Protein backbone atom coordinates (compact mmCIF):
# COMPACT_ATOMS: atom_id res chain seq x y z
CA MET A 1 97.31 104.09 98.98
CA ALA A 2 101.09 104.39 100.02
CA PHE A 3 101.96 101.72 102.58
CA ASP A 4 104.23 104.22 104.36
CA GLY A 5 106.25 104.30 107.66
CA ILE A 6 102.97 105.66 109.20
CA THR A 7 100.87 102.75 107.78
CA THR A 8 103.52 100.21 109.08
CA LYS A 9 103.60 101.34 112.58
CA SER A 10 99.98 101.27 112.81
CA ILE A 11 99.94 97.53 111.34
CA SER A 12 102.52 96.77 113.63
CA TYR A 13 100.31 97.56 116.57
CA GLU A 14 97.15 95.92 115.32
CA LEU A 15 99.54 92.79 114.90
CA GLN A 16 101.04 92.79 118.43
CA HIS A 17 97.40 92.94 119.71
CA SER A 18 95.56 90.37 117.90
CA ILE A 19 98.43 87.52 117.26
CA LEU A 20 101.03 87.77 119.94
CA GLY A 21 101.62 84.82 121.47
CA GLY A 22 100.07 82.51 118.48
CA LYS A 23 101.58 79.35 117.22
CA ILE A 24 102.75 79.23 113.59
CA ASN A 25 101.24 75.66 112.46
CA LYS A 26 101.31 76.30 108.41
CA ILE A 27 103.39 78.15 106.19
CA PHE A 28 102.73 78.92 102.02
CA GLU A 29 104.65 80.67 99.46
CA PRO A 30 102.06 81.19 96.66
CA ASN A 31 104.59 83.37 94.58
CA LYS A 32 108.08 84.46 94.81
CA ASN A 33 107.21 87.66 96.23
CA GLU A 34 104.52 86.41 98.96
CA VAL A 35 104.78 84.02 102.20
CA LEU A 36 101.88 83.12 104.32
CA LEU A 37 101.93 82.44 108.17
CA SER A 38 99.25 80.35 109.08
CA ILE A 39 99.03 81.53 112.78
CA TYR A 40 96.62 79.90 116.31
CA ALA A 41 96.22 82.97 118.48
CA ASN A 42 93.67 83.80 121.31
CA GLY A 43 91.33 80.63 119.98
CA LYS A 44 91.52 82.12 116.47
CA ASN A 45 93.02 81.35 113.64
CA TYR A 46 94.95 83.92 111.32
CA ALA A 47 96.74 84.55 107.99
CA LEU A 48 99.55 86.45 107.82
CA ASN A 49 100.52 87.75 104.48
CA ILE A 50 103.98 89.01 103.53
CA CYS A 51 104.39 90.65 100.35
CA ILE A 52 107.74 91.56 98.91
CA ASP A 53 106.17 92.60 95.19
CA SER A 54 108.37 95.98 94.27
CA ASN A 55 105.02 97.89 93.47
CA LEU A 56 102.77 95.74 96.02
CA TYR A 57 104.88 95.58 99.63
CA ARG A 58 102.89 95.16 102.62
CA ILE A 59 102.07 92.73 105.34
CA HIS A 60 98.86 92.25 106.92
CA LEU A 61 96.39 89.31 107.70
CA THR A 62 94.14 88.17 105.23
CA THR A 63 90.81 86.33 104.62
CA ASN A 64 91.49 85.75 100.97
CA THR A 65 93.06 82.32 100.01
CA LYS A 66 95.34 81.90 97.47
CA PRO A 67 96.52 78.96 95.05
CA ASN A 68 99.85 77.27 96.35
CA PRO A 69 102.24 75.60 93.78
CA LEU A 70 102.64 71.73 94.04
CA ASN A 71 106.17 71.87 95.45
CA ALA A 72 106.93 74.42 97.93
CA PRO A 73 109.85 76.60 96.77
CA ASN A 74 113.13 76.42 98.89
CA PHE A 75 112.61 79.36 101.10
CA CYS A 76 109.46 78.45 102.46
CA MET A 77 110.74 74.86 102.90
CA LEU A 78 113.87 76.46 105.34
CA LEU A 79 111.36 78.52 106.97
CA ARG A 80 108.64 75.47 107.73
CA LYS A 81 112.37 73.70 108.74
CA HIS A 82 112.96 76.74 111.33
CA LEU A 83 108.89 78.11 112.40
CA ILE A 84 106.78 75.76 112.33
CA GLY A 85 105.69 75.33 116.24
CA TYR A 86 106.97 78.91 117.46
CA LYS A 87 105.13 81.08 119.04
CA ILE A 88 105.51 85.00 118.07
CA LYS A 89 106.90 86.75 121.12
CA SER A 90 106.90 90.41 120.02
CA ILE A 91 106.10 92.31 117.15
CA SER A 92 107.68 95.51 116.38
CA SER A 93 108.49 98.31 113.62
CA ASN A 94 111.36 100.95 114.09
CA ASP A 95 111.00 103.91 116.21
CA ASN A 96 112.21 106.23 113.23
CA LEU A 97 108.90 104.98 111.06
CA GLU A 98 111.35 102.66 108.73
CA ARG A 99 109.11 100.53 106.90
CA ILE A 100 110.58 97.59 108.21
CA ILE A 101 108.85 95.44 111.22
CA LYS A 102 110.66 92.49 113.54
CA ILE A 103 109.09 89.52 114.32
CA GLU A 104 110.54 88.06 117.68
CA LEU A 105 109.87 84.03 117.62
CA GLU A 106 110.27 81.41 120.64
CA GLY A 107 110.45 77.80 120.11
CA TYR A 108 112.24 74.36 120.60
CA ASN A 109 114.75 73.38 118.11
CA GLU A 110 115.83 69.88 117.01
CA LEU A 111 117.35 69.44 120.41
CA ASN A 112 114.90 70.50 122.15
CA ASP A 113 116.58 73.80 123.31
CA LEU A 114 114.54 77.00 123.90
CA THR A 115 115.80 79.12 120.90
CA THR A 116 114.89 82.77 119.52
CA LYS A 117 114.75 83.14 116.07
CA TYR A 118 113.47 86.97 114.05
CA LEU A 119 111.53 87.28 110.63
CA ILE A 120 112.62 90.84 109.35
CA VAL A 121 110.02 92.34 106.82
CA GLU A 122 111.81 95.05 104.91
CA LEU A 123 109.36 96.85 102.80
CA MET A 124 111.14 99.09 101.08
CA GLY A 125 110.07 99.09 97.26
CA LYS A 126 112.13 97.28 95.08
CA HIS A 127 114.59 96.43 97.60
CA SER A 128 112.11 94.87 99.88
CA ASN A 129 113.02 91.48 101.37
CA ILE A 130 111.90 88.61 104.04
CA ILE A 131 114.93 87.44 106.57
CA LEU A 132 114.98 85.07 108.92
CA LEU A 133 117.98 85.50 111.64
CA ASN A 134 119.06 83.40 114.50
CA ASP A 135 119.19 84.39 118.31
CA LYS A 136 122.81 86.29 117.15
CA PHE A 137 120.93 88.16 114.77
CA PHE A 138 122.90 86.52 111.80
CA ILE A 139 121.27 85.58 108.93
CA ILE A 140 119.73 81.96 108.32
CA ASP A 141 118.63 83.15 104.80
CA SER A 142 116.40 85.27 102.62
CA LEU A 143 113.81 85.32 99.81
CA ARG A 144 116.24 87.71 98.18
CA HIS A 145 119.95 87.38 98.18
CA LEU A 146 122.14 90.91 98.03
CA ASP A 147 125.47 91.15 98.47
CA THR A 148 128.39 94.34 97.74
CA LEU A 149 129.09 92.80 94.26
CA SER A 150 125.39 93.70 93.12
CA ASN A 151 126.25 97.37 93.86
CA SER A 152 124.20 96.21 97.58
CA TYR A 153 125.97 98.49 100.21
CA ARG A 154 125.13 95.07 102.46
CA ASP A 155 124.78 91.56 102.75
CA ILE A 156 121.66 89.86 102.59
CA LEU A 157 123.75 86.12 102.30
CA PRO A 158 123.53 83.42 104.92
CA ALA A 159 125.79 83.51 107.94
CA HIS A 160 125.86 87.17 107.55
CA GLU A 161 125.62 89.63 110.42
CA TYR A 162 122.49 91.11 109.68
CA ILE A 163 122.62 95.24 109.15
CA TYR A 164 119.53 97.40 109.22
CA PRO A 165 119.02 99.34 106.18
CA GLU A 166 120.89 103.04 106.10
CA ASN A 167 118.22 105.56 107.08
CA THR A 168 119.09 109.19 105.15
CA LYS A 169 116.17 111.04 106.13
CA ASN A 170 115.22 112.15 109.62
CA ASN A 171 113.16 110.96 112.37
CA PHE A 172 110.21 113.43 113.01
CA TYR A 173 110.01 111.75 116.73
CA ASP A 174 113.47 113.73 117.04
CA ILE A 175 111.55 117.45 117.11
CA LYS A 176 110.93 118.71 120.54
CA SER A 177 108.77 121.84 119.72
CA PHE A 178 107.23 123.68 117.10
CA ASP A 179 109.43 126.58 116.71
CA GLU A 180 112.02 123.64 116.36
CA PHE A 181 109.67 122.71 113.15
CA TYR A 182 109.19 126.31 112.17
CA ASN A 183 112.96 126.93 111.78
CA LEU A 184 113.27 124.18 110.09
CA ILE A 185 111.11 125.00 107.20
CA LEU A 186 112.59 128.99 107.15
CA GLU A 187 115.78 127.10 107.20
CA ASN A 188 115.33 125.21 104.18
CA ASN A 189 113.50 127.70 102.25
CA VAL A 190 110.76 125.75 101.56
CA THR A 191 108.25 126.16 98.49
CA ASN A 192 106.42 123.22 98.27
CA LEU A 193 105.57 122.04 101.71
CA THR A 194 104.64 118.27 100.57
CA ASN A 195 107.65 117.43 99.06
CA PHE A 196 109.70 118.52 101.68
CA LEU A 197 107.86 116.73 104.65
CA VAL A 198 108.04 113.73 102.40
CA GLY A 199 111.77 114.22 101.39
CA TYR A 200 113.00 115.35 104.82
CA PHE A 201 111.37 112.81 107.08
CA THR A 202 111.25 109.21 107.23
CA GLY A 203 107.70 107.49 106.90
CA PHE A 204 105.76 110.21 105.04
CA SER A 205 103.89 109.57 101.96
CA LYS A 206 102.19 112.25 99.84
CA PRO A 207 99.27 111.45 100.39
CA PHE A 208 99.15 111.23 104.22
CA ILE A 209 100.46 115.14 103.99
CA LYS A 210 97.73 116.11 101.16
CA ASN A 211 94.93 114.55 103.34
CA ILE A 212 95.78 116.53 106.68
CA MET A 213 96.53 119.83 104.18
CA LEU A 214 93.19 119.52 102.53
CA LYS A 215 91.74 118.79 106.13
CA HIS A 216 93.01 122.43 107.42
CA ASP A 217 92.65 123.76 104.15
CA ILE A 218 96.66 124.47 103.72
CA LYS A 219 98.09 125.80 100.66
CA ASN A 220 101.02 123.94 99.17
CA THR A 221 103.09 126.57 98.32
CA GLU A 222 101.17 129.02 99.93
CA PHE A 223 101.48 128.77 103.79
CA SER A 224 101.58 131.02 106.58
CA LYS A 225 103.12 130.35 110.21
CA GLU A 226 99.54 129.48 111.66
CA ASN A 227 99.13 127.08 108.81
CA ILE A 228 102.35 125.67 109.85
CA PHE A 229 101.45 125.20 113.35
CA LYS A 230 98.36 123.08 112.23
CA MET A 231 100.28 120.88 110.25
CA TYR A 232 102.85 120.48 113.15
CA GLU A 233 99.99 119.68 115.60
CA TYR A 234 98.42 117.68 113.74
CA LEU A 235 101.11 115.44 112.50
CA SER A 236 102.47 115.15 116.35
CA LYS A 237 98.88 113.93 117.52
CA ILE A 238 98.70 111.39 114.76
CA LEU A 239 102.12 109.88 115.18
CA ASN A 240 101.73 109.89 119.07
CA ASN A 241 98.61 107.78 118.48
CA LEU A 242 99.70 105.41 116.28
CA ASP A 243 100.00 103.00 119.03
CA SER A 244 96.77 103.08 119.87
CA ASN A 245 93.03 102.81 118.50
CA ASP A 246 92.56 106.14 118.09
CA VAL A 247 93.92 106.13 114.66
CA SER A 248 92.68 104.39 111.13
CA LEU A 249 92.62 104.25 107.85
CA ILE A 250 90.46 106.88 106.36
CA ARG A 251 89.23 107.07 102.21
CA TYR A 252 89.72 110.85 101.37
CA SER A 253 89.74 112.86 97.57
CA ASN A 254 92.69 114.21 96.77
CA GLU A 255 92.93 116.95 94.86
CA LYS A 256 92.43 115.10 91.57
CA GLY A 257 89.01 114.08 93.05
CA LYS A 258 90.63 109.96 93.06
CA LEU A 259 90.21 108.19 96.03
CA ASP A 260 92.81 107.15 98.56
CA TYR A 261 93.08 105.67 101.90
CA VAL A 262 95.78 107.12 104.65
CA ILE A 263 96.21 107.03 108.35
CA ASP A 264 94.24 109.08 110.52
CA LEU A 265 93.17 110.67 113.51
CA GLU A 266 89.55 108.42 113.58
CA PRO A 267 88.50 105.90 115.95
CA LYS A 268 88.35 102.29 114.92
CA THR A 269 85.84 100.29 115.07
CA SER A 270 87.01 96.94 115.68
CA ASN A 271 90.93 96.20 116.86
CA LEU A 272 92.10 95.16 112.96
CA ASP A 273 90.65 97.95 110.64
CA ILE A 274 93.58 98.77 109.48
CA ASN A 275 94.64 95.11 108.59
CA PHE A 276 91.26 94.47 106.80
CA TYR A 277 91.40 98.04 105.07
CA ILE A 278 94.74 96.71 103.70
CA ASP A 279 93.58 93.19 102.38
CA ASP A 280 90.63 94.32 100.44
CA PHE A 281 92.37 96.83 98.71
CA TYR A 282 95.23 95.06 98.57
CA TYR A 283 93.59 91.69 97.21
CA ASN A 284 91.08 93.97 94.79
CA LYS A 285 94.19 95.55 93.42
CA GLU A 286 96.07 92.62 93.04
CA THR A 287 93.28 90.84 91.32
CA ASN A 288 92.99 93.82 89.09
CA ASN A 289 96.29 93.68 87.98
CA ASN A 290 96.35 89.96 87.45
CA TYR A 291 93.20 90.26 84.98
CA VAL A 292 94.96 93.46 83.18
CA SER A 293 98.24 91.85 82.92
CA TYR A 294 96.54 88.24 81.99
CA ARG A 295 94.13 90.44 79.24
CA ASN A 296 97.01 92.22 77.40
CA ASN A 297 99.18 88.85 77.42
CA LEU A 298 96.46 87.21 75.46
CA LEU A 299 95.55 90.07 72.97
CA LYS A 300 99.27 90.65 72.49
CA LEU A 301 99.07 86.58 71.47
CA ILE A 302 96.28 86.84 69.70
CA SER A 303 96.99 90.24 67.53
CA HIS A 304 100.25 88.47 66.84
CA ILE A 305 98.46 85.43 65.24
CA LEU A 306 95.65 87.94 63.55
CA LYS A 307 98.53 89.71 61.88
CA LYS A 308 99.87 86.15 60.32
CA TYR A 309 96.23 84.98 59.21
CA SER A 310 96.05 89.02 57.64
CA LEU A 311 99.34 88.73 55.84
CA ARG A 312 98.11 84.85 54.32
CA LEU A 313 95.36 86.44 53.04
CA GLU A 314 96.62 89.50 51.35
CA SER A 315 99.28 86.35 49.95
CA ILE A 316 95.74 84.35 49.28
CA ASN A 317 94.29 87.78 46.83
CA ASN A 318 97.73 88.23 45.35
CA LYS A 319 97.79 84.64 44.28
CA LEU A 320 94.22 84.45 42.87
CA LYS A 321 95.00 87.92 41.39
CA GLU A 322 97.33 85.90 39.27
CA CYS A 323 95.06 83.26 38.39
CA GLU A 324 92.77 86.03 36.89
CA ASN A 325 95.15 86.01 33.65
CA LYS A 326 94.97 82.02 33.45
CA ASP A 327 92.66 82.20 30.27
CA LEU A 328 95.24 84.89 28.51
CA TYR A 329 98.38 82.11 29.01
CA LYS A 330 95.95 79.49 27.46
CA LEU A 331 95.34 81.93 24.52
CA TYR A 332 98.84 82.72 24.24
CA GLY A 333 99.71 78.63 24.17
CA GLU A 334 96.62 78.44 21.53
CA LEU A 335 97.73 81.13 19.28
CA ILE A 336 101.34 80.29 19.18
CA THR A 337 100.57 76.66 18.50
CA ALA A 338 98.06 77.54 15.29
CA ASN A 339 101.08 79.49 13.60
CA LEU A 340 103.54 77.07 14.32
CA TYR A 341 104.05 76.44 10.84
CA LYS A 342 105.08 79.77 10.25
CA PHE A 343 108.08 79.96 12.21
CA SER A 344 111.47 78.08 11.46
CA LYS A 345 113.20 76.16 13.60
CA ASP A 346 116.09 79.03 14.55
CA TYR A 347 113.63 81.32 15.07
CA ASN A 348 114.64 83.27 18.33
CA SER A 349 112.82 86.69 19.42
CA ASP A 350 111.58 87.91 22.75
CA LYS A 351 108.04 88.33 21.32
CA VAL A 352 106.02 87.69 18.59
CA GLU A 353 102.61 89.29 17.02
CA LEU A 354 99.40 86.98 16.12
CA GLU A 355 96.30 87.61 14.75
CA ASN A 356 94.14 86.51 17.97
CA TYR A 357 91.00 85.06 15.78
CA TYR A 358 88.99 85.36 18.64
CA ASP A 359 89.20 89.18 18.64
CA ASN A 360 88.64 90.30 14.66
CA ASN A 361 91.84 88.75 13.77
CA ALA A 362 93.17 91.93 15.99
CA ILE A 363 97.36 91.38 16.26
CA LEU A 364 98.19 90.73 20.07
CA THR A 365 101.56 90.57 20.84
CA ILE A 366 102.68 87.59 23.22
CA PRO A 367 106.18 87.77 25.00
CA LEU A 368 108.21 85.09 24.40
CA ASP A 369 111.24 83.13 26.24
CA ASN A 370 114.62 83.81 23.65
CA THR A 371 115.93 80.67 25.49
CA ILE A 372 114.05 78.26 24.59
CA SER A 373 112.02 77.02 21.03
CA ILE A 374 108.63 79.04 20.37
CA ALA A 375 106.89 75.81 20.38
CA ASN A 376 108.34 75.19 23.98
CA ASN A 377 107.42 78.61 24.93
CA ALA A 378 103.56 77.33 23.61
CA LYS A 379 104.32 74.68 26.26
CA LYS A 380 105.22 76.70 29.10
CA TYR A 381 102.02 78.99 28.42
CA PHE A 382 99.76 75.60 28.64
CA LYS A 383 101.69 74.49 31.96
CA LYS A 384 101.58 77.88 33.40
CA TYR A 385 98.06 77.82 32.61
CA ASN A 386 97.05 74.59 34.34
CA LYS A 387 99.16 75.30 37.37
CA LEU A 388 96.87 78.32 37.56
CA LYS A 389 93.21 76.48 36.83
CA ASN A 390 94.81 73.63 39.50
CA ALA A 391 95.40 77.06 41.96
CA LEU A 392 92.40 78.78 41.77
CA GLU A 393 90.55 75.80 43.24
CA ILE A 394 93.00 75.51 46.14
CA VAL A 395 93.38 79.09 47.16
CA THR A 396 89.63 79.36 46.95
CA LEU A 397 89.16 77.52 49.15
CA GLN A 398 92.18 78.40 50.82
CA LYS A 399 90.91 81.95 51.33
CA LYS A 400 87.24 80.41 52.58
CA GLU A 401 89.52 79.06 55.48
CA THR A 402 91.65 81.97 56.11
CA GLU A 403 88.28 84.35 56.19
CA GLU A 404 87.01 82.21 58.70
CA GLU A 405 89.73 81.99 61.18
CA LEU A 406 90.10 85.87 60.67
CA GLN A 407 86.66 86.17 61.67
CA TYR A 408 86.88 83.75 64.74
CA ILE A 409 90.08 85.64 65.85
CA GLU A 410 88.34 88.89 65.55
CA SER A 411 85.69 87.60 68.08
CA ILE A 412 88.02 86.71 70.15
CA ILE A 413 89.77 89.94 70.26
CA TYR A 414 86.35 91.47 70.66
CA GLU A 415 85.13 89.12 73.36
CA LEU A 416 88.78 90.12 75.58
CA GLU A 417 88.57 93.64 74.89
CA TYR A 418 84.75 93.47 76.95
CA ALA A 419 85.52 90.92 79.45
CA LYS A 420 85.34 92.33 83.15
CA ASP A 421 87.41 89.98 84.99
CA ILE A 422 89.76 87.03 85.20
CA GLN A 423 87.28 84.38 85.28
CA GLU A 424 86.12 85.36 81.77
CA VAL A 425 90.01 85.77 80.44
CA ASN A 426 90.22 82.78 81.42
CA GLU A 427 87.34 80.89 79.75
CA ILE A 428 88.64 82.48 76.62
CA TYR A 429 91.99 81.10 77.10
CA ASN A 430 90.46 77.94 77.60
CA GLU A 431 88.64 77.82 74.67
CA ILE A 432 91.35 78.94 72.34
CA SER A 433 94.03 76.31 73.70
CA GLU A 434 91.15 74.09 72.13
CA ASN A 435 92.17 75.50 68.86
CA PRO A 436 94.82 74.72 66.77
CA ILE A 437 95.87 77.87 65.44
CA PHE A 438 96.26 79.25 69.02
CA LYS A 439 97.42 75.36 70.23
CA ASP A 440 101.10 75.60 69.39
CA TYR A 441 101.80 79.11 70.18
CA ILE A 442 99.93 79.09 73.64
CA GLN A 443 101.97 75.59 74.07
CA SER A 444 105.52 77.86 74.04
CA ASN A 445 104.28 80.87 75.58
CA ASN A 446 104.80 80.55 79.27
CA LYS A 447 103.47 83.83 80.49
CA THR A 448 99.52 83.00 79.17
CA ASN A 449 99.75 79.88 79.99
CA THR A 450 97.66 79.12 83.22
CA LYS A 451 95.68 75.78 85.01
CA LYS A 452 92.20 74.85 83.06
CA GLU A 453 88.87 75.40 84.82
CA THR A 454 86.30 73.41 83.19
CA ASN A 455 83.41 75.39 84.65
CA ILE A 456 81.31 77.73 82.31
CA SER A 457 80.31 81.08 84.26
CA THR A 458 76.62 81.94 83.89
CA PRO A 459 75.46 84.28 81.39
CA ARG A 460 74.64 87.93 81.92
CA GLU A 461 71.33 88.33 83.17
CA TYR A 462 68.58 91.13 82.78
CA HIS A 463 65.08 91.37 82.93
CA ILE A 464 63.13 93.42 80.90
CA ASP A 465 59.04 94.13 80.38
CA GLY A 466 59.00 91.22 82.94
CA TYR A 467 60.94 88.78 80.62
CA THR A 468 64.35 87.40 81.32
CA VAL A 469 66.83 88.53 78.70
CA LEU A 470 70.40 85.99 78.34
CA VAL A 471 73.67 87.50 77.25
CA GLY A 472 76.98 85.27 76.41
CA LYS A 473 79.92 86.60 77.48
CA ASN A 474 82.39 84.51 74.91
CA ASN A 475 81.96 82.21 72.27
CA LYS A 476 81.54 78.90 74.31
CA GLN A 477 79.06 80.46 76.27
CA ASN A 478 77.07 81.68 72.89
CA ASP A 479 77.00 78.20 71.94
CA TYR A 480 75.62 76.92 75.39
CA LEU A 481 73.31 79.55 75.56
CA THR A 482 71.88 79.01 72.20
CA THR A 483 72.30 75.24 71.51
CA LYS A 484 71.35 74.07 74.97
CA LEU A 485 70.18 76.40 77.26
CA ALA A 486 67.77 78.17 75.01
CA SER A 487 64.15 76.68 73.81
CA PRO A 488 62.72 76.34 70.31
CA ASN A 489 60.29 79.29 71.08
CA ASP A 490 62.90 81.85 72.62
CA ILE A 491 63.91 84.72 70.50
CA TRP A 492 67.90 85.25 69.50
CA PHE A 493 69.48 88.20 68.23
CA HIS A 494 73.02 88.80 67.36
CA THR A 495 74.24 91.74 65.51
CA LYS A 496 74.21 91.59 61.69
CA ASP A 497 77.62 90.86 60.15
CA ILE A 498 78.91 92.71 63.36
CA HIS A 499 80.76 90.34 65.76
CA GLY A 500 78.87 89.86 69.31
CA SER A 501 77.18 88.22 71.79
CA HIS A 502 73.74 85.88 71.45
CA VAL A 503 71.18 87.56 73.12
CA ILE A 504 68.26 85.55 73.87
CA LEU A 505 64.64 86.33 75.14
CA LYS A 506 63.01 83.89 76.84
CA ASN A 507 59.72 83.70 75.51
CA PRO A 508 56.96 81.58 77.02
CA SER A 509 54.31 83.09 75.04
CA GLU A 510 54.49 84.40 71.46
CA ASN A 511 52.79 88.01 72.02
CA ILE A 512 55.92 90.08 72.25
CA SER A 513 55.34 93.83 71.61
CA ASN A 514 57.80 95.51 68.89
CA ASP A 515 58.99 98.01 71.67
CA THR A 516 60.18 94.70 73.94
CA LEU A 517 62.34 93.39 70.87
CA ILE A 518 63.87 96.85 69.83
CA LYS A 519 65.19 96.70 73.55
CA CYS A 520 66.35 93.17 73.22
CA ALA A 521 67.97 94.39 70.05
CA LYS A 522 69.74 97.50 71.80
CA LEU A 523 70.94 95.18 74.11
CA ALA A 524 72.40 92.91 71.56
CA ALA A 525 73.79 95.86 69.51
CA TYR A 526 75.64 97.42 72.94
CA TYR A 527 77.04 94.01 73.48
CA SER A 528 79.00 93.86 69.86
CA LYS A 529 81.68 95.69 68.62
CA GLY A 530 79.49 98.06 66.78
CA ARG A 531 78.38 99.42 71.01
CA LEU A 532 80.15 103.10 69.72
CA SER A 533 77.98 103.25 66.73
CA SER A 534 74.62 104.95 66.62
CA ASN A 535 72.52 102.86 63.97
CA VAL A 536 73.13 99.20 64.09
CA PRO A 537 71.87 96.15 62.52
CA VAL A 538 70.68 93.38 64.29
CA ASP A 539 69.11 90.44 63.37
CA TYR A 540 66.20 88.14 65.25
CA CYS A 541 64.55 84.94 64.98
CA PHE A 542 63.16 82.04 66.80
CA VAL A 543 65.58 79.73 68.25
CA LYS A 544 64.70 77.09 65.94
CA TYR A 545 65.92 78.33 63.43
CA VAL A 546 69.48 78.83 64.45
CA LYS A 547 71.66 76.02 63.42
CA LYS A 548 75.59 75.23 64.17
CA PRO A 549 77.02 73.55 61.58
CA ASN A 550 78.89 70.90 61.88
CA GLY A 551 83.03 71.72 62.81
CA SER A 552 81.84 75.37 62.57
CA LYS A 553 84.11 77.42 65.10
CA PRO A 554 82.73 78.21 68.53
CA GLY A 555 79.87 80.70 68.29
CA MET A 556 79.30 80.45 64.84
CA VAL A 557 75.83 79.47 63.80
CA ILE A 558 73.71 79.97 60.39
CA TYR A 559 70.09 81.50 61.07
CA THR A 560 66.58 81.99 58.72
CA ASN A 561 63.50 83.45 58.84
CA ASN A 562 64.97 86.42 60.54
CA LYS A 563 64.01 90.21 60.47
CA THR A 564 66.45 93.10 61.24
CA LEU A 565 65.73 95.83 63.16
CA ASN A 566 68.49 99.18 63.22
CA VAL A 567 68.74 100.48 66.65
CA THR A 568 71.38 102.85 68.89
CA PRO A 569 73.38 100.31 71.03
CA SER A 570 71.84 100.75 75.02
CA ILE A 571 72.13 99.10 78.55
CA GLU A 572 69.54 101.19 80.12
CA ASN A 573 66.54 99.42 79.75
C-alpha cells in the first residue's frame, strides 16, 4: 500500500480522537529509523510507532512489540529528557495533504514552567525525519541532520528555525468547482489521467486513483466529461470526509490482480480501523523483508564458503591425479639405478632410453634433469615417489573430509531455500555458528550477526491415514526428531543420496499398509532437494536401525535394514 497524503490525514484524525490528552510515559528507539512512544490516554495504554525508513515510512498505533537495544541511542535519550511526562495537546496534518504530522505537546520543564514543544513527523521517502521543536519553532534536535552543504534545500540542525518542506504540487482543496477541474484537464492536454492527478496534486498515490477508476469503470487513457465528473465528485467526497468515520482502508485488486489497500468511502467498524490495518500490513511486510534479507545474507555467506570448499576439492582431485603417477617415478628410479654402470660420471643429457624389464624389455624413454648427475636423477625420482606415496594417504583423507563438509554445506543451502520464516532461518544460523567452518566467518560478518536463541521450534506435523507424521525443518531438528523424539519402532524416511528432511511415521503398531508408506515417502521426497523431480528414491526403515556416528555433522546418520520406494513428491495426502 502507498502511505500517501490521504492516508496521513486519515491517520491523524484517528490519532486526534484516541490519544489526545494522553501522557507520554516511555520512549524507545528500536532501530535507527524508528521511535516508539508509550502513551497513557483515556484509561488505556497505547504505543505510537513512528518509522522513517525510506521504503516503510509511516505513523500509526501498534500492538506489535520490538526488541530494544541495551543502550538507548542519543536521540532517544534526548526525547526522554524533553518529552517524558508531557501530554498531547493536538495532532494535525497539513491541509494541503502533505505527509507531515505535527504533534503539539505540553508539559513542565526542569524549572517547573509550563512549556509547549512540537514533534514534527515528515514522511517523505528517503527525506523522512522526526524533528523536535521548542515553542518558538526552533529545532532542538532531529533523528536525521540535514544542511544546505549536503545538497539539502533547508537546514535540519539544532538551534535552526524549522521550515516546512517546499511543496511544488497543487492542493486539490483549492479547486472550487467541477468546471475548474475539467478545464484543468483540458488545458494540460491530459492523455493519462492517473499520471496527471498524481503528478499535479499533493497527496494522491497511483493505487488511490486507480481504485476510483476501477470502481467507476473509468479508462486511464480514454475518458469522457461524464467520467471526469465522476472522478471529481468522488474525490471531493473522500477528501471532505477524511476527518470522519466515513472513510476507511479497503482492500482492492488492481488491474494486474495484485491486492492492495487504499482509503475509500466505507464506514469504519471501530475508531482505529486505519491504524490497525496499517499496523498489521507493515508488520507483516517488515517481518517478511527482514526474513528475506536475513536469509539472503546467510545464503550469500554460505555460497561463498561452498565455492571455497569446491575449489579445495578440485585442488585435492588434481593432487590425487598427480599421485596416480607415483609408481612411474619409482620405476624410473629403479631402471636408472639398475643401469648406472653403463654411464660415465660426466654423462649429460635431458633423457635416456632404457629397457623396461617389467615390460618384456620394451624401450622406455626417461626424462632427465641435465643439471645434476644421472645418479642424482634416480634419487630425485625415488624422493618424488615417496613424497607422492605419503601425500596420497593425506590427500585421500582430506578428500573424504572435504566431501563431507560439502555435503553438509549443501544441506544448509537446501534448508535455507525452504525456510518459511525468520525463526527457521535463525535456527539454521545458530546451527552453523557452532560449526568451525562457519564460525570465524560469521563472527567477522556483522550483517548476519544476531541474538542467539536456544529454543527449538516444533517439527512440521501431518496426519496420514490416522497416523502422526513429523518432518524436520533443519539439521539440528532432524537429529532431535530421529535420535530423541522418535521411538525405536517408529518408521524413518529419507531421500536416497539427496539432501532432505528426516520424516518420522509414529507407528504404534506394525501393521502399516503399503499405501501409507508411499504417502509418507512422497512427503519425504517433497521436503527434499528432489522436490521438483518426478521419480525420487526414498529409503525407509525402523528408527532403531538409524544411528548417529560420534562426531558426525548435524543431520548426518547411517542406517541399515532399509527398503526403497520410488515416488513422485507430493504434500497432498
